[in-house]
Amino acid sequence: MKKVIIAFDGKHFSQGALNIAEYLNEQEPILLTGIFLSAIDYRDVIGVGAVGLGGPVFMPTLEKENEEIIKESIRHFEEVCHRKGFEYRVHMDNELFALEELVTETRFADLLIISGENFYVNVGEKQPNDYMQRLLHRCECPVIVVPENYELPNNIILTYDGSEDAVYAIKQFALLLPELCDLETTLFFASHKDDDLPERNRISELASRHFKNLTLQRMDIAKPAKFFNEWIAEKRGSLVVSGSFARSGLSVSIRKSFIYETIADHKVPVFIAHR
């Protein structure tokens, strides 16, 4: 049984995150832990300008109104878990340094689920906002970033550019969620050059051992990030698997903008894993 955590910040309860947790639980029972974080308004943040984006973000303590909002979210979470038969836990992490607390929670989890639309949206409406980027850089387990409205996965898209990060994410997905590996799967490689699939034989040997319905797809396009998100919008029910977030990322073919645009489009869930 896997331990899956869902992060809810203050005022923003994510039904989309809960939906994919239910989907995973139907494939194989999970322990679902709701992480309820401090609510925050951007104007209440102290020290961001002084310490820069690399420093900690100071979270104000919860006011009574925000405590009630979080308690209502917890009640709703528990009601759904009871109704669906989840084994569940609740962690109310209302410490001053909420993001630090969440990173620590990821150390003791197999998978984190967050909303790609609602996560600290009051800090920045354009996702992935600063808080989400920090979390995705630092989290210590794989993450699924989900829109609020989407079709549950019926196919998997493995984004691949030959990098260590891309292969690592594919292996992590296969090891963590083997119950999804029977779905129709596309190994996607995009390039604006005449490049062949990097290490074609090796990646084919690896991926085909785990994914039973695997297709290799190479696309020769000038703007792979833009094209990919247009293509995926037409391919309903996809779950995208990606390497590390904004480190080297899909450095050869799709680059940093790929994962930003895919999350920002709010069309499909994205599985992200890094070392």
C-alpha atoms as a PDB file:
ATOM      1  CA  MET A   1       0.000   0.000   0.000  1.00  0.00           C
ATOM      2  CA  LYS A   2       1.361   3.403  -1.010  1.00  0.00           C
ATOM      3  CA  LYS A   3       1.206   6.576   1.064  1.00  0.00           C
ATOM      4  CA  VAL A   4      -0.216   9.405  -1.042  1.00  0.00           C
ATOM      5  CA  ILE A   5      -0.450  12.962   0.275  1.00  0.00           C
ATOM      6  CA  ILE A   6      -2.654  15.796  -0.993  1.00  0.00           C
ATOM      7  CA  ALA A   7      -1.797  19.397  -0.163  1.00  0.00           C
ATOM      8  CA  PHE A   8      -4.620  21.868   0.461  1.00  0.00           C
ATOM      9  CA  ASP A   9      -3.739  25.469   1.275  1.00  0.00           C
ATOM     10  CA  GLY A  10      -6.204  27.380   3.396  1.00  0.00           C
ATOM     11  CA  LYS A  11      -9.072  28.554   1.254  1.00  0.00           C
ATOM     12  CA  HIS A  12      -8.372  26.337  -1.736  1.00  0.00           C
ATOM     13  CA  PHE A  13      -9.843  22.848  -1.575  1.00  0.00           C
ATOM     14  CA  SER A  14      -8.972  20.879  -4.710  1.00  0.00           C
ATOM     15  CA  GLN A  15     -11.641  18.497  -5.928  1.00  0.00           C
ATOM     16  CA  GLY A  16      -9.414  17.686  -8.900  1.00  0.00           C
ATOM     17  CA  ALA A  17      -6.677  16.372  -6.594  1.00  0.00           C
ATOM     18  CA  LEU A  18      -9.182  14.316  -4.641  1.00  0.00           C
ATOM     19  CA  ASN A  19     -10.594  12.847  -7.854  1.00  0.00           C
ATOM     20  CA  ILE A  20      -7.263  11.429  -8.998  1.00  0.00           C
ATOM     21  CA  ALA A  21      -6.587  10.086  -5.495  1.00  0.00           C
ATOM     22  CA  GLU A  22      -9.892   8.227  -5.730  1.00  0.00           C
ATOM     23  CA  TYR A  23      -8.882   6.954  -9.175  1.00  0.00           C
ATOM     24  CA  LEU A  24      -5.567   5.635  -7.810  1.00  0.00           C
ATOM     25  CA  ASN A  25      -7.303   4.042  -4.840  1.00  0.00           C
ATOM     26  CA  GLU A  26      -9.603   2.169  -7.213  1.00  0.00           C
ATOM     27  CA  GLN A  27      -6.566   0.689  -8.982  1.00  0.00           C
ATOM     28  CA  GLU A  28      -4.870  -0.301  -5.724  1.00  0.00           C
ATOM     29  CA  PRO A  29      -5.770   0.791  -2.159  1.00  0.00           C
ATOM     30  CA  ILE A  30      -3.687   3.682  -0.826  1.00  0.00           C
ATOM     31  CA  LEU A  31      -3.201   5.482   2.465  1.00  0.00           C
ATOM     32  CA  LEU A  32      -4.386   9.007   1.701  1.00  0.00           C
ATOM     33  CA  THR A  33      -3.081  11.811   3.905  1.00  0.00           C
ATOM     34  CA  GLY A  34      -4.576  15.282   3.645  1.00  0.00           C
ATOM     35  CA  ILE A  35      -2.008  18.014   4.360  1.00  0.00           C
ATOM     36  CA  PHE A  36      -3.824  21.203   5.353  1.00  0.00           C
ATOM     37  CA  LEU A  37      -1.507  24.202   5.138  1.00  0.00           C
ATOM     38  CA  SER A  38      -1.725  27.765   6.399  1.00  0.00           C
ATOM     39  CA  ALA A  39      -3.831  30.167   4.396  1.00  0.00           C
ATOM     40  CA  ILE A  40      -1.886  33.209   3.239  1.00  0.00           C
ATOM     41  CA  ASP A  41      -2.428  36.472   1.441  1.00  0.00           C
ATOM     42  CA  TYR A  42       0.543  37.828  -0.481  1.00  0.00           C
ATOM     43  CA  ARG A  43       0.410  41.099   1.410  1.00  0.00           C
ATOM     44  CA  ASP A  44       1.053  39.182   4.648  1.00  0.00           C
ATOM     45  CA  VAL A  45       4.298  37.629   3.457  1.00  0.00           C
ATOM     46  CA  ILE A  46       7.279  38.964   5.370  1.00  0.00           C
ATOM     47  CA  GLY A  47      10.817  38.963   4.089  1.00  0.00           C
ATOM     48  CA  VAL A  48      10.394  37.882   0.465  1.00  0.00           C
ATOM     49  CA  GLY A  49      11.962  41.053  -0.869  1.00  0.00           C
ATOM     50  CA  ALA A  50      14.780  40.925   1.644  1.00  0.00           C
ATOM     51  CA  VAL A  51      15.853  37.311   1.248  1.00  0.00           C
ATOM     52  CA  GLY A  52      15.010  36.845  -2.414  1.00  0.00           C
ATOM     53  CA  LEU A  53      13.353  33.882  -4.045  1.00  0.00           C
ATOM     54  CA  GLY A  54      15.910  31.472  -2.630  1.00  0.00           C
ATOM     55  CA  GLY A  55      15.049  32.240   0.992  1.00  0.00           C
ATOM     56  CA  PRO A  56      12.244  30.966   3.195  1.00  0.00           C
ATOM     57  CA  VAL A  57       8.781  32.424   2.946  1.00  0.00           C
ATOM     58  CA  PHE A  58       7.398  33.627   6.261  1.00  0.00           C
ATOM     59  CA  MET A  59       3.821  32.506   6.820  1.00  0.00           C
ATOM     60  CA  PRO A  60       1.567  34.385   9.246  1.00  0.00           C
ATOM     61  CA  THR A  61      -0.217  32.355  11.894  1.00  0.00           C
ATOM     62  CA  LEU A  62      -3.787  31.404  11.182  1.00  0.00           C
ATOM     63  CA  GLU A  63      -6.479  33.842  12.106  1.00  0.00           C
ATOM     64  CA  LYS A  64      -9.739  32.479  13.462  1.00  0.00           C
ATOM     65  CA  GLU A  65     -11.527  32.931  10.129  1.00  0.00           C
ATOM     66  CA  ASN A  66      -8.848  30.967   8.312  1.00  0.00           C
ATOM     67  CA  GLU A  67      -8.905  28.267  10.977  1.00  0.00           C
ATOM     68  CA  GLU A  68     -12.613  27.818  10.327  1.00  0.00           C
ATOM     69  CA  ILE A  69     -12.025  27.612   6.570  1.00  0.00           C
ATOM     70  CA  ILE A  70      -9.414  24.898   7.048  1.00  0.00           C
ATOM     71  CA  LYS A  71     -11.609  23.011   9.503  1.00  0.00           C
ATOM     72  CA  GLU A  72     -14.398  23.046   6.930  1.00  0.00           C
ATOM     73  CA  SER A  73     -11.983  21.690   4.308  1.00  0.00           C
ATOM     74  CA  ILE A  74     -10.953  18.932   6.709  1.00  0.00           C
ATOM     75  CA  ARG A  75     -14.591  18.048   7.375  1.00  0.00           C
ATOM     76  CA  HIS A  76     -15.236  17.783   3.644  1.00  0.00           C
ATOM     77  CA  PHE A  77     -12.083  15.704   3.134  1.00  0.00           C
ATOM     78  CA  GLU A  78     -13.035  13.309   5.927  1.00  0.00           C
ATOM     79  CA  GLU A  79     -16.593  13.009   4.648  1.00  0.00           C
ATOM     80  CA  VAL A  80     -15.361  12.042   1.175  1.00  0.00           C
ATOM     81  CA  CYS A  81     -12.827   9.581   2.594  1.00  0.00           C
ATOM     82  CA  HIS A  82     -15.505   7.891   4.712  1.00  0.00           C
ATOM     83  CA  ARG A  83     -17.899   7.710   1.783  1.00  0.00           C
ATOM     84  CA  LYS A  84     -15.295   6.306  -0.604  1.00  0.00           C
ATOM     85  CA  GLY A  85     -13.770   3.925   1.911  1.00  0.00           C
ATOM     86  CA  PHE A  86     -10.282   5.471   1.935  1.00  0.00           C
ATOM     87  CA  GLU A  87      -7.839   4.693   4.683  1.00  0.00           C
ATOM     88  CA  TYR A  88      -6.814   8.245   5.521  1.00  0.00           C
ATOM     89  CA  ARG A  89      -4.982  10.593   7.859  1.00  0.00           C
ATOM     90  CA  VAL A  90      -5.183  14.353   8.435  1.00  0.00           C
ATOM     91  CA  HIS A  91      -2.161  16.580   9.088  1.00  0.00           C
ATOM     92  CA  MET A  92      -2.904  20.212   9.911  1.00  0.00           C
ATOM     93  CA  ASP A  93       0.457  21.837   9.199  1.00  0.00           C
ATOM     94  CA  ASN A  94      -0.255  25.407  10.245  1.00  0.00           C
ATOM     95  CA  GLU A  95       3.342  26.267  11.044  1.00  0.00           C
ATOM     96  CA  LEU A  96       4.857  29.607  10.048  1.00  0.00           C
ATOM     97  CA  PHE A  97       6.946  28.046   7.288  1.00  0.00           C
ATOM     98  CA  ALA A  98       4.225  26.118   5.470  1.00  0.00           C
ATOM     99  CA  LEU A  99       6.259  25.232   2.389  1.00  0.00           C
ATOM    100  CA  GLU A 100       9.058  23.874   4.564  1.00  0.00           C
ATOM    101  CA  GLU A 101       6.517  21.695   6.343  1.00  0.00           C
ATOM    102  CA  LEU A 102       5.174  20.397   3.051  1.00  0.00           C
ATOM    103  CA  VAL A 103       8.663  19.540   1.775  1.00  0.00           C
ATOM    104  CA  THR A 104       9.229  17.568   4.986  1.00  0.00           C
ATOM    105  CA  GLU A 105       5.935  15.746   4.441  1.00  0.00           C
ATOM    106  CA  THR A 106       7.097  14.693   0.963  1.00  0.00           C
ATOM    107  CA  ARG A 107      10.136  13.010   2.510  1.00  0.00           C
ATOM    108  CA  PHE A 108       7.781  10.541   4.150  1.00  0.00           C
ATOM    109  CA  ALA A 109       5.430   9.921   1.230  1.00  0.00           C
ATOM    110  CA  ASP A 110       5.440   7.927  -1.988  1.00  0.00           C
ATOM    111  CA  LEU A 111       3.493  10.506  -3.985  1.00  0.00           C
ATOM    112  CA  LEU A 112       2.245  14.097  -3.632  1.00  0.00           C
ATOM    113  CA  ILE A 113      -0.846  15.425  -5.419  1.00  0.00           C
ATOM    114  CA  ILE A 114      -1.448  19.170  -5.823  1.00  0.00           C
ATOM    115  CA  SER A 115      -3.830  21.321  -7.821  1.00  0.00           C
ATOM    116  CA  GLY A 116      -2.277  22.934 -10.871  1.00  0.00           C
ATOM    117  CA  GLU A 117      -4.867  25.722 -10.644  1.00  0.00           C
ATOM    118  CA  ASN A 118      -5.533  26.365  -6.955  1.00  0.00           C
ATOM    119  CA  PHE A 119      -2.181  25.893  -5.218  1.00  0.00           C
ATOM    120  CA  TYR A 120      -1.617  29.188  -3.373  1.00  0.00           C
ATOM    121  CA  VAL A 121      -3.428  30.937  -6.201  1.00  0.00           C
ATOM    122  CA  ASN A 122      -3.695  34.088  -4.081  1.00  0.00           C
ATOM    123  CA  VAL A 123       0.104  34.380  -4.298  1.00  0.00           C
ATOM    124  CA  GLY A 124      -0.005  34.232  -8.090  1.00  0.00           C
ATOM    125  CA  GLU A 125      -2.863  33.284 -10.382  1.00  0.00           C
ATOM    126  CA  LYS A 126      -0.604  32.344 -13.278  1.00  0.00           C
ATOM    127  CA  GLN A 127       0.506  28.787 -12.635  1.00  0.00           C
ATOM    128  CA  PRO A 128       2.996  27.437 -11.925  1.00  0.00           C
ATOM    129  CA  ASN A 129       3.368  30.343  -9.510  1.00  0.00           C
ATOM    130  CA  ASP A 130       6.397  30.994  -7.334  1.00  0.00           C
ATOM    131  CA  TYR A 131       5.246  28.721  -4.505  1.00  0.00           C
ATOM    132  CA  MET A 132       4.526  25.829  -6.852  1.00  0.00           C
ATOM    133  CA  GLN A 133       7.891  26.205  -8.555  1.00  0.00           C
ATOM    134  CA  ARG A 134       9.685  26.138  -5.204  1.00  0.00           C
ATOM    135  CA  LEU A 135       7.792  23.061  -4.154  1.00  0.00           C
ATOM    136  CA  LEU A 136       8.439  21.211  -7.408  1.00  0.00           C
ATOM    137  CA  HIS A 137      12.150  22.015  -7.153  1.00  0.00           C
ATOM    138  CA  ARG A 138      12.459  20.765  -3.595  1.00  0.00           C
ATOM    139  CA  CYS A 139       9.905  18.007  -3.063  1.00  0.00           C
ATOM    140  CA  GLU A 140      11.364  14.636  -2.105  1.00  0.00           C
ATOM    141  CA  CYS A 141       8.845  12.359  -3.799  1.00  0.00           C
ATOM    142  CA  PRO A 142       7.168  12.310  -7.214  1.00  0.00           C
ATOM    143  CA  VAL A 143       4.299  14.758  -7.749  1.00  0.00           C
ATOM    144  CA  ILE A 144       1.105  14.688  -9.780  1.00  0.00           C
ATOM    145  CA  VAL A 145      -0.084  18.198 -10.695  1.00  0.00           C
ATOM    146  CA  VAL A 146      -3.742  18.114 -11.705  1.00  0.00           C
ATOM    147  CA  PRO A 147      -6.216  20.573 -13.244  1.00  0.00           C
ATOM    148  CA  GLU A 148      -9.586  20.991 -11.573  1.00  0.00           C
ATOM    149  CA  ASN A 149     -11.504  19.699 -14.597  1.00  0.00           C
ATOM    150  CA  TYR A 150     -10.051  16.851 -16.636  1.00  0.00           C
ATOM    151  CA  GLU A 151     -10.737  13.328 -17.792  1.00  0.00           C
ATOM    152  CA  LEU A 152      -9.322  10.582 -15.617  1.00  0.00           C
ATOM    153  CA  PRO A 153      -6.360   8.874 -17.294  1.00  0.00           C
ATOM    154  CA  ASN A 154      -6.980   6.303 -19.991  1.00  0.00           C
ATOM    155  CA  ASN A 155      -3.571   6.733 -21.657  1.00  0.00           C
ATOM    156  CA  ILE A 156      -0.016   7.643 -20.644  1.00  0.00           C
ATOM    157  CA  ILE A 157       2.381   9.979 -22.461  1.00  0.00           C
ATOM    158  CA  LEU A 158       6.058   9.504 -21.602  1.00  0.00           C
ATOM    159  CA  THR A 159       7.981  12.636 -22.603  1.00  0.00           C
ATOM    160  CA  TYR A 160      11.506  11.688 -23.604  1.00  0.00           C
ATOM    161  CA  ASP A 161      14.638  13.443 -24.836  1.00  0.00           C
ATOM    162  CA  GLY A 162      17.358  10.952 -23.963  1.00  0.00           C
ATOM    163  CA  SER A 163      18.287  12.744 -20.724  1.00  0.00           C
ATOM    164  CA  GLU A 164      18.862  11.132 -17.335  1.00  0.00           C
ATOM    165  CA  ASP A 165      15.915  13.088 -15.959  1.00  0.00           C
ATOM    166  CA  ALA A 166      13.485  11.796 -18.565  1.00  0.00           C
ATOM    167  CA  VAL A 167      14.512   8.161 -18.082  1.00  0.00           C
ATOM    168  CA  TYR A 168      14.429   8.531 -14.299  1.00  0.00           C
ATOM    169  CA  ALA A 169      10.847   9.837 -14.414  1.00  0.00           C
ATOM    170  CA  ILE A 170       9.743   6.958 -16.646  1.00  0.00           C
ATOM    171  CA  LYS A 171      11.261   4.407 -14.264  1.00  0.00           C
ATOM    172  CA  GLN A 172       9.770   6.114 -11.203  1.00  0.00           C
ATOM    173  CA  PHE A 173       6.323   6.104 -12.758  1.00  0.00           C
ATOM    174  CA  ALA A 174       6.581   2.421 -13.684  1.00  0.00           C
ATOM    175  CA  LEU A 175       7.787   1.440 -10.215  1.00  0.00           C
ATOM    176  CA  LEU A 176       5.308   3.604  -8.312  1.00  0.00           C
ATOM    177  CA  LEU A 177       2.192   3.102 -10.436  1.00  0.00           C
ATOM    178  CA  PRO A 178       2.555  -0.283 -12.186  1.00  0.00           C
ATOM    179  CA  GLU A 179      -1.226  -0.650 -12.168  1.00  0.00           C
ATOM    180  CA  LEU A 180      -1.402   2.115 -14.801  1.00  0.00           C
ATOM    181  CA  CYS A 181       1.235   0.613 -17.084  1.00  0.00           C
ATOM    182  CA  ASP A 182      -1.302  -1.490 -18.996  1.00  0.00           C
ATOM    183  CA  LEU A 183      -2.903   1.656 -20.380  1.00  0.00           C
ATOM    184  CA  GLU A 184      -2.192   2.784 -23.934  1.00  0.00           C
ATOM    185  CA  THR A 185       1.217   4.475 -23.730  1.00  0.00           C
ATOM    186  CA  THR A 186       3.052   6.840 -26.089  1.00  0.00           C
ATOM    187  CA  LEU A 187       6.774   7.507 -25.801  1.00  0.00           C
ATOM    188  CA  PHE A 188       6.927  11.040 -27.202  1.00  0.00           C
ATOM    189  CA  PHE A 189      10.075  12.616 -28.650  1.00  0.00           C
ATOM    190  CA  ALA A 190      10.033  15.974 -30.424  1.00  0.00           C
ATOM    191  CA  SER A 191      12.809  17.737 -32.307  1.00  0.00           C
ATOM    192  CA  HIS A 192      13.193  20.486 -34.873  1.00  0.00           C
ATOM    193  CA  LYS A 193      16.178  18.628 -36.338  1.00  0.00           C
ATOM    194  CA  ASP A 194      16.521  15.304 -38.133  1.00  0.00           C
ATOM    195  CA  ASP A 195      17.511  13.607 -34.902  1.00  0.00           C
ATOM    196  CA  ASP A 196      16.549  10.015 -34.299  1.00  0.00           C
ATOM    197  CA  LEU A 197      15.089   8.885 -30.994  1.00  0.00           C
ATOM    198  CA  PRO A 198      18.062   9.033 -28.577  1.00  0.00           C
ATOM    199  CA  GLU A 199      19.224   5.577 -27.508  1.00  0.00           C
ATOM    200  CA  ARG A 200      16.283   4.050 -29.355  1.00  0.00           C
ATOM    201  CA  ASN A 201      17.120   0.420 -28.640  1.00  0.00           C
ATOM    202  CA  ARG A 202      17.848   0.924 -24.966  1.00  0.00           C
ATOM    203  CA  ILE A 203      14.785   3.031 -24.195  1.00  0.00           C
ATOM    204  CA  SER A 204      12.605   0.644 -26.192  1.00  0.00           C
ATOM    205  CA  GLU A 205      13.924  -2.330 -24.227  1.00  0.00           C
ATOM    206  CA  LEU A 206      13.300  -0.580 -20.922  1.00  0.00           C
ATOM    207  CA  ALA A 207       9.912   0.966 -21.628  1.00  0.00           C
ATOM    208  CA  SER A 208       8.426  -2.104 -23.304  1.00  0.00           C
ATOM    209  CA  ARG A 209       9.183  -4.205 -20.217  1.00  0.00           C
ATOM    210  CA  HIS A 210       6.893  -2.006 -18.153  1.00  0.00           C
ATOM    211  CA  PHE A 211       4.349  -0.591 -20.601  1.00  0.00           C
ATOM    212  CA  LYS A 212       2.430  -3.309 -22.421  1.00  0.00           C
ATOM    213  CA  ASN A 213       0.756  -1.102 -25.037  1.00  0.00           C
ATOM    214  CA  LEU A 214       3.702   1.071 -26.028  1.00  0.00           C
ATOM    215  CA  THR A 215       3.989   3.218 -29.159  1.00  0.00           C
ATOM    216  CA  LEU A 216       7.034   5.323 -30.067  1.00  0.00           C
ATOM    217  CA  GLN A 217       6.210   8.695 -31.571  1.00  0.00           C
ATOM    218  CA  ARG A 218       8.757  11.148 -32.934  1.00  0.00           C
ATOM    219  CA  MET A 219       7.575  14.529 -34.182  1.00  0.00           C
ATOM    220  CA  ASP A 220       9.680  16.899 -36.261  1.00  0.00           C
ATOM    221  CA  ILE A 221       8.462  20.343 -35.278  1.00  0.00           C
ATOM    222  CA  ALA A 222       9.940  23.820 -34.903  1.00  0.00           C
ATOM    223  CA  LYS A 223       8.222  24.671 -31.606  1.00  0.00           C
ATOM    224  CA  PRO A 224       7.797  21.404 -29.719  1.00  0.00           C
ATOM    225  CA  ALA A 225       6.392  22.911 -26.515  1.00  0.00           C
ATOM    226  CA  LYS A 226       3.625  24.770 -28.359  1.00  0.00           C
ATOM    227  CA  PHE A 227       2.834  21.833 -30.622  1.00  0.00           C
ATOM    228  CA  PHE A 228       2.846  19.310 -27.791  1.00  0.00           C
ATOM    229  CA  ASN A 229       0.223  21.170 -25.796  1.00  0.00           C
ATOM    230  CA  GLU A 230      -1.983  21.616 -28.865  1.00  0.00           C
ATOM    231  CA  TRP A 231      -1.618  17.919 -29.668  1.00  0.00           C
ATOM    232  CA  ILE A 232      -2.306  16.787 -26.130  1.00  0.00           C
ATOM    233  CA  ALA A 233      -5.445  18.928 -25.900  1.00  0.00           C
ATOM    234  CA  GLU A 234      -6.919  16.695 -28.597  1.00  0.00           C
ATOM    235  CA  LYS A 235      -5.721  13.480 -26.948  1.00  0.00           C
ATOM    236  CA  ARG A 236      -8.266  13.188 -24.178  1.00  0.00           C
ATOM    237  CA  GLY A 237      -7.671  11.349 -20.930  1.00  0.00           C
ATOM    238  CA  SER A 238      -3.870  11.626 -20.958  1.00  0.00           C
ATOM    239  CA  LEU A 239      -1.471  11.595 -18.029  1.00  0.00           C
ATOM    240  CA  VAL A 240       1.894  13.168 -18.921  1.00  0.00           C
ATOM    241  CA  VAL A 241       5.145  11.879 -17.390  1.00  0.00           C
ATOM    242  CA  SER A 242       7.999  14.398 -17.197  1.00  0.00           C
ATOM    243  CA  GLY A 243      11.518  14.607 -15.815  1.00  0.00           C
ATOM    244  CA  SER A 244      12.830  17.157 -13.344  1.00  0.00           C
ATOM    245  CA  PHE A 245      11.114  20.507 -13.152  1.00  0.00           C
ATOM    246  CA  ALA A 246      13.065  23.444 -14.623  1.00  0.00           C
ATOM    247  CA  ARG A 247      16.491  21.987 -13.904  1.00  0.00           C
ATOM    248  CA  SER A 248      17.742  20.522 -17.137  1.00  0.00           C
ATOM    249  CA  GLY A 249      14.203  19.362 -17.880  1.00  0.00           C
ATOM    250  CA  LEU A 250      13.589  18.323 -21.446  1.00  0.00           C
ATOM    251  CA  SER A 251      16.653  20.266 -22.399  1.00  0.00           C
ATOM    252  CA  VAL A 252      17.147  19.060 -25.961  1.00  0.00           C
ATOM    253  CA  SER A 253      13.693  18.856 -27.446  1.00  0.00           C
ATOM    254  CA  ILE A 254      10.992  20.521 -25.402  1.00  0.00           C
ATOM    255  CA  ARG A 255      12.942  22.588 -22.853  1.00  0.00           C
ATOM    256  CA  LYS A 256      11.786  24.348 -19.732  1.00  0.00           C
ATOM    257  CA  SER A 257       8.715  25.913 -21.352  1.00  0.00           C
ATOM    258  CA  PHE A 258       7.236  22.476 -21.981  1.00  0.00           C
ATOM    259  CA  ILE A 259       6.309  21.692 -18.408  1.00  0.00           C
ATOM    260  CA  TYR A 260       5.335  25.308 -17.634  1.00  0.00           C
ATOM    261  CA  GLU A 261       2.910  25.401 -20.546  1.00  0.00           C
ATOM    262  CA  THR A 262       1.480  21.959 -19.860  1.00  0.00           C
ATOM    263  CA  ILE A 263       0.680  22.873 -16.256  1.00  0.00           C
ATOM    264  CA  ALA A 264      -0.585  26.339 -17.221  1.00  0.00           C
ATOM    265  CA  ASP A 265      -2.951  24.950 -19.865  1.00  0.00           C
ATOM    266  CA  HIS A 266      -4.899  23.044 -17.161  1.00  0.00           C
ATOM    267  CA  LYS A 267      -5.819  20.218 -19.535  1.00  0.00           C
ATOM    268  CA  VAL A 268      -4.140  17.071 -18.203  1.00  0.00           C
ATOM    269  CA  PRO A 269      -2.495  15.709 -15.048  1.00  0.00           C
ATOM    270  CA  VAL A 270       1.323  15.810 -15.068  1.00  0.00           C
ATOM    271  CA  PHE A 271       3.530  13.320 -13.190  1.00  0.00           C
ATOM    272  CA  ILE A 272       6.900  14.881 -12.285  1.00  0.00           C
ATOM    273  CA  ALA A 273       9.851  13.061 -10.739  1.00  0.00           C
ATOM    274  CA  HIS A 274      13.438  14.091 -10.069  1.00  0.00           C
ATOM    275  CA  ARG A 275      16.333  12.821  -7.992  1.00  0.00           C
END
